Protein backbone atom coordinates (compact mmCIF):
# COMPACT_ATOMS: atom_id res chain seq x y z
CA MET A 1 -69.17 -11.03 18.94
CA ALA A 2 -70.38 -14.53 19.64
CA VAL A 3 -73.25 -15.14 17.32
CA GLU A 4 -76.77 -15.66 18.62
CA PHE A 5 -78.24 -19.33 17.32
CA THR A 6 -81.85 -20.09 16.91
CA ASP A 7 -83.70 -22.61 15.56
CA ALA A 8 -83.51 -21.69 12.34
CA ASN A 9 -80.16 -20.38 11.67
CA PHE A 10 -78.48 -23.49 13.72
CA GLU A 11 -77.96 -26.33 10.57
CA GLU A 12 -76.65 -23.16 8.01
CA LEU A 13 -74.47 -21.75 11.05
CA VAL A 14 -72.84 -24.56 13.02
CA GLU A 15 -74.06 -27.94 11.50
CA LYS A 16 -72.97 -27.44 7.25
CA SER A 17 -69.81 -25.20 8.96
CA ASP A 18 -66.48 -25.97 7.18
CA LYS A 19 -64.62 -24.58 10.60
CA PRO A 20 -65.12 -25.49 14.27
CA ALA A 21 -67.98 -24.16 16.26
CA ILE A 22 -68.86 -23.28 19.91
CA VAL A 23 -72.34 -23.42 21.56
CA ASP A 24 -73.75 -22.35 24.73
CA PHE A 25 -76.57 -23.70 25.53
CA TRP A 26 -78.41 -21.28 28.45
CA ALA A 27 -81.17 -19.84 29.84
CA GLU A 28 -81.67 -15.74 31.06
CA TRP A 29 -83.08 -17.57 34.61
CA CYS A 30 -79.79 -19.86 35.00
CA GLY A 31 -77.56 -18.20 37.50
CA PRO A 32 -73.84 -20.80 36.00
CA CYS A 33 -75.30 -19.23 32.42
CA ARG A 34 -74.44 -15.64 33.45
CA MET A 35 -70.91 -16.93 34.80
CA VAL A 36 -69.98 -18.76 31.42
CA GLY A 37 -71.58 -16.42 28.77
CA PRO A 38 -68.79 -13.35 29.05
CA LEU A 39 -65.92 -16.75 28.92
CA VAL A 40 -67.35 -17.18 25.45
CA GLU A 41 -68.47 -13.49 24.39
CA GLU A 42 -64.04 -13.97 24.94
CA LEU A 43 -63.45 -16.49 22.86
CA ALA A 44 -65.53 -15.46 20.66
CA ASP A 45 -63.24 -12.41 19.11
CA GLU A 46 -59.65 -13.64 20.81
CA TYR A 47 -60.51 -16.44 17.69
CA GLU A 48 -62.79 -14.46 15.44
CA GLY A 49 -62.28 -16.02 12.02
CA GLN A 50 -61.05 -19.35 13.32
CA ALA A 51 -64.33 -20.55 14.30
CA VAL A 52 -67.99 -20.24 14.84
CA ILE A 53 -68.16 -19.60 18.17
CA GLY A 54 -72.11 -17.89 20.41
CA LYS A 55 -74.92 -18.58 22.33
CA LEU A 56 -78.59 -20.74 22.12
CA ASN A 57 -81.19 -19.12 24.34
CA VAL A 58 -82.65 -22.48 25.07
CA ASP A 59 -86.08 -20.65 25.99
CA ARG A 60 -86.38 -19.65 22.65
CA ALA A 61 -84.59 -22.62 20.34
CA PRO A 62 -86.46 -25.87 22.19
CA GLN A 63 -85.93 -27.61 18.91
CA VAL A 64 -81.79 -27.47 18.62
CA SER A 65 -81.96 -27.94 22.54
CA GLN A 66 -83.54 -31.22 22.21
CA LYS A 67 -82.32 -32.30 18.67
CA TYR A 68 -78.63 -32.42 20.83
CA GLY A 69 -80.43 -33.75 24.47
CA ILE A 70 -79.78 -30.72 26.30
CA ARG A 71 -80.92 -31.24 29.68
CA ASN A 72 -78.45 -29.53 31.33
CA ILE A 73 -77.37 -26.05 31.29
CA PRO A 74 -75.15 -24.63 30.74
CA THR A 75 -73.56 -26.85 28.22
CA VAL A 76 -71.25 -26.13 25.82
CA LEU A 77 -71.21 -28.49 22.61
CA PHE A 78 -68.12 -28.39 20.09
CA PHE A 79 -68.99 -29.17 16.82
CA LYS A 80 -66.36 -29.54 13.46
CA ASN A 81 -67.55 -31.35 10.98
CA GLY A 82 -71.79 -30.69 12.08
CA GLU A 83 -70.77 -33.53 14.37
CA VAL A 84 -70.66 -33.33 18.69
CA VAL A 85 -67.13 -33.77 19.19
CA ASP A 86 -66.43 -32.82 22.48
CA LYS A 87 -68.93 -31.33 25.44
CA GLN A 88 -68.65 -29.49 28.83
CA VAL A 89 -71.64 -28.90 31.65
CA GLY A 90 -71.65 -26.46 34.02
CA ALA A 91 -69.22 -23.73 34.72
CA VAL A 92 -66.00 -23.50 34.36
CA PRO A 93 -62.56 -21.21 33.85
CA LYS A 94 -62.29 -19.78 30.26
CA SER A 95 -58.99 -21.96 30.40
CA GLU A 96 -61.04 -25.34 30.23
CA LEU A 97 -63.25 -24.47 27.67
CA GLU A 98 -60.27 -22.55 25.16
CA LYS A 99 -57.57 -25.50 25.76
CA LYS A 100 -61.12 -27.66 24.33
CA LEU A 101 -60.97 -25.41 21.52
CA LYS A 102 -57.41 -25.34 20.76
CA ALA A 103 -57.65 -29.18 20.53
CA GLN A 104 -60.81 -28.76 17.63
CA LEU A 105 -58.45 -25.77 15.88
CA GLU A 106 -55.21 -28.43 15.83
CA ALA A 107 -56.78 -31.42 15.55
């Protein structure tokens, strides 16, 4: 199950994580976000224990969204050792997200 990231838990769960992390920046009113959301959920289930994977609602977590300059959603950021190492803006197939995740797991 995907983690729900917030302004309060983001630093602990993502920036201080010893595992790669994927953060899906989304909002309830965003149509393309509804296409990416289930893909993120699937990846969270498939890679449980290997990576921290979850979603951050930009309306409920404005501080993190602003810190990372999120202007378009959906945006998926890929973190390793607390740093952004890759990103995907817009809706893409699951295979694209998985390819970027695997690159971080293998690095």
